[in-house]
Amino acid sequence: MSPGMLKMWISIAGMALMFLAIITIYFSRYKLKGILRLLSAILAYIFMIIAGLTLLIVFFT
């Protein structure tokens, strides 16, 4: 696999993580209550941080 193709797949994975973060944040704010709300919010922000780092690495390499 060429380096450009590998960067493309890594970028798509980063975008998918951002989409999962958006959906998880929505559920944590509007649909869930109690401890599930806290756990889903933490998971969403972890997704967002990993996605941001992934895309930064791809953009600057």
N, C-alpha and C. Protein backbone atom coordinates (compact mmCIF):
# COMPACT_ATOMS: atom_id res chain seq x y z
N MET A 1 0.85 -1.17 0.00
CA MET A 1 0.00 0.00 0.00
C MET A 1 0.91 1.24 0.00
N SER A 2 0.56 2.19 -0.83
CA SER A 2 1.38 3.40 -0.93
C SER A 2 1.17 4.30 0.29
N PRO A 3 2.15 5.17 0.58
CA PRO A 3 2.01 6.06 1.73
C PRO A 3 0.80 6.99 1.62
N GLY A 4 0.48 7.44 0.41
CA GLY A 4 -0.68 8.31 0.24
C GLY A 4 -1.98 7.59 0.56
N MET A 5 -2.07 6.33 0.13
CA MET A 5 -3.28 5.54 0.41
C MET A 5 -3.41 5.26 1.91
N LEU A 6 -2.29 5.01 2.57
CA LEU A 6 -2.32 4.78 4.01
C LEU A 6 -2.78 6.03 4.75
N LYS A 7 -2.30 7.20 4.32
CA LYS A 7 -2.75 8.46 4.93
C LYS A 7 -4.24 8.67 4.73
N MET A 8 -4.75 8.28 3.55
CA MET A 8 -6.18 8.42 3.29
C MET A 8 -7.00 7.58 4.26
N TRP A 9 -6.60 6.33 4.48
CA TRP A 9 -7.35 5.47 5.38
C TRP A 9 -7.26 5.95 6.83
N ILE A 10 -6.11 6.47 7.22
CA ILE A 10 -5.97 7.01 8.57
C ILE A 10 -6.85 8.25 8.73
N SER A 11 -6.94 9.08 7.71
CA SER A 11 -7.81 10.26 7.76
C SER A 11 -9.27 9.87 7.87
N ILE A 12 -9.66 8.85 7.12
CA ILE A 12 -11.05 8.37 7.19
C ILE A 12 -11.36 7.84 8.59
N ALA A 13 -10.39 7.15 9.20
CA ALA A 13 -10.60 6.67 10.56
C ALA A 13 -10.75 7.83 11.54
N GLY A 14 -9.95 8.90 11.34
CA GLY A 14 -10.08 10.08 12.19
C GLY A 14 -11.44 10.75 12.04
N MET A 15 -11.92 10.84 10.80
CA MET A 15 -13.25 11.43 10.57
C MET A 15 -14.35 10.57 11.17
N ALA A 16 -14.18 9.25 11.10
CA ALA A 16 -15.17 8.35 11.72
C ALA A 16 -15.19 8.53 13.23
N LEU A 17 -14.02 8.71 13.83
CA LEU A 17 -13.97 8.95 15.27
C LEU A 17 -14.65 10.27 15.64
N MET A 18 -14.49 11.30 14.79
CA MET A 18 -15.18 12.56 15.04
C MET A 18 -16.70 12.39 14.96
N PHE A 19 -17.16 11.63 13.99
CA PHE A 19 -18.59 11.36 13.86
C PHE A 19 -19.11 10.62 15.09
N LEU A 20 -18.36 9.60 15.54
CA LEU A 20 -18.76 8.88 16.76
C LEU A 20 -18.77 9.80 17.98
N ALA A 21 -17.84 10.73 18.03
CA ALA A 21 -17.80 11.68 19.15
C ALA A 21 -19.04 12.57 19.13
N ILE A 22 -19.43 13.04 17.95
CA ILE A 22 -20.61 13.89 17.85
C ILE A 22 -21.87 13.15 18.31
N ILE A 23 -22.03 11.93 17.83
CA ILE A 23 -23.20 11.13 18.21
C ILE A 23 -23.20 10.84 19.71
N THR A 24 -22.05 10.50 20.25
CA THR A 24 -21.96 10.18 21.68
C THR A 24 -22.21 11.42 22.54
N ILE A 25 -21.72 12.56 22.13
CA ILE A 25 -21.99 13.80 22.88
C ILE A 25 -23.48 14.13 22.85
N TYR A 26 -24.10 13.93 21.69
CA TYR A 26 -25.55 14.18 21.59
C TYR A 26 -26.31 13.30 22.58
N PHE A 27 -25.99 11.99 22.58
CA PHE A 27 -26.69 11.09 23.50
C PHE A 27 -26.40 11.44 24.95
N SER A 28 -25.19 11.82 25.27
CA SER A 28 -24.87 12.12 26.66
C SER A 28 -25.57 13.39 27.14
N ARG A 29 -25.80 14.34 26.25
CA ARG A 29 -26.44 15.58 26.68
C ARG A 29 -27.96 15.51 26.71
N TYR A 30 -28.56 14.79 25.77
CA TYR A 30 -30.00 14.87 25.61
C TYR A 30 -30.76 13.58 25.91
N LYS A 31 -30.12 12.44 25.89
CA LYS A 31 -30.85 11.19 26.00
C LYS A 31 -30.55 10.39 27.27
N LEU A 32 -29.35 10.53 27.80
CA LEU A 32 -28.96 9.68 28.92
C LEU A 32 -29.01 10.43 30.25
N LYS A 33 -29.09 9.68 31.33
CA LYS A 33 -29.09 10.26 32.66
C LYS A 33 -28.16 9.46 33.57
N GLY A 34 -27.70 10.10 34.62
CA GLY A 34 -26.91 9.42 35.64
C GLY A 34 -25.49 9.10 35.19
N ILE A 35 -25.04 7.92 35.62
CA ILE A 35 -23.66 7.52 35.37
C ILE A 35 -23.40 7.26 33.89
N LEU A 36 -24.42 6.81 33.16
CA LEU A 36 -24.25 6.59 31.72
C LEU A 36 -23.96 7.90 31.00
N ARG A 37 -24.55 8.98 31.48
CA ARG A 37 -24.29 10.29 30.89
C ARG A 37 -22.82 10.69 31.05
N LEU A 38 -22.29 10.47 32.22
CA LEU A 38 -20.89 10.80 32.50
C LEU A 38 -19.95 9.91 31.69
N LEU A 39 -20.21 8.61 31.66
CA LEU A 39 -19.35 7.69 30.93
C LEU A 39 -19.36 7.96 29.43
N SER A 40 -20.53 8.26 28.88
CA SER A 40 -20.59 8.52 27.44
C SER A 40 -19.93 9.85 27.10
N ALA A 41 -20.01 10.83 27.98
CA ALA A 41 -19.33 12.10 27.74
C ALA A 41 -17.81 11.92 27.76
N ILE A 42 -17.32 11.16 28.71
CA ILE A 42 -15.88 10.89 28.77
C ILE A 42 -15.42 10.15 27.52
N LEU A 43 -16.19 9.15 27.09
CA LEU A 43 -15.87 8.40 25.89
C LEU A 43 -15.87 9.31 24.66
N ALA A 44 -16.83 10.21 24.59
CA ALA A 44 -16.92 11.13 23.45
C ALA A 44 -15.70 12.04 23.38
N TYR A 45 -15.29 12.57 24.50
CA TYR A 45 -14.13 13.45 24.48
C TYR A 45 -12.83 12.69 24.21
N ILE A 46 -12.76 11.45 24.62
CA ILE A 46 -11.60 10.61 24.25
C ILE A 46 -11.58 10.40 22.74
N PHE A 47 -12.75 10.09 22.16
CA PHE A 47 -12.84 9.95 20.70
C PHE A 47 -12.37 11.23 20.00
N MET A 48 -12.80 12.37 20.49
CA MET A 48 -12.46 13.64 19.86
C MET A 48 -10.95 13.93 19.95
N ILE A 49 -10.36 13.64 21.08
CA ILE A 49 -8.93 13.88 21.25
C ILE A 49 -8.12 12.96 20.33
N ILE A 50 -8.49 11.68 20.27
CA ILE A 50 -7.78 10.74 19.40
C ILE A 50 -7.94 11.13 17.94
N ALA A 51 -9.14 11.54 17.55
CA ALA A 51 -9.38 11.96 16.17
C ALA A 51 -8.56 13.20 15.82
N GLY A 52 -8.51 14.15 16.73
CA GLY A 52 -7.74 15.36 16.47
C GLY A 52 -6.26 15.07 16.33
N LEU A 53 -5.73 14.23 17.21
CA LEU A 53 -4.32 13.87 17.12
C LEU A 53 -4.02 13.09 15.84
N THR A 54 -4.92 12.20 15.46
CA THR A 54 -4.74 11.43 14.23
C THR A 54 -4.70 12.34 13.02
N LEU A 55 -5.63 13.27 12.94
CA LEU A 55 -5.65 14.16 11.78
C LEU A 55 -4.47 15.12 11.78
N LEU A 56 -4.04 15.56 12.94
CA LEU A 56 -2.85 16.42 12.99
C LEU A 56 -1.61 15.68 12.49
N ILE A 57 -1.48 14.44 12.89
CA ILE A 57 -0.33 13.64 12.45
C ILE A 57 -0.36 13.47 10.94
N VAL A 58 -1.54 13.19 10.39
CA VAL A 58 -1.65 13.00 8.95
C VAL A 58 -1.37 14.30 8.20
N PHE A 59 -1.86 15.41 8.70
CA PHE A 59 -1.67 16.67 8.00
C PHE A 59 -0.21 17.14 8.00
N PHE A 60 0.53 16.85 9.07
CA PHE A 60 1.88 17.37 9.17
C PHE A 60 2.97 16.36 8.80
N THR A 61 2.58 15.21 8.24
CA THR A 61 3.60 14.27 7.77
C THR A 61 3.64 14.21 6.26
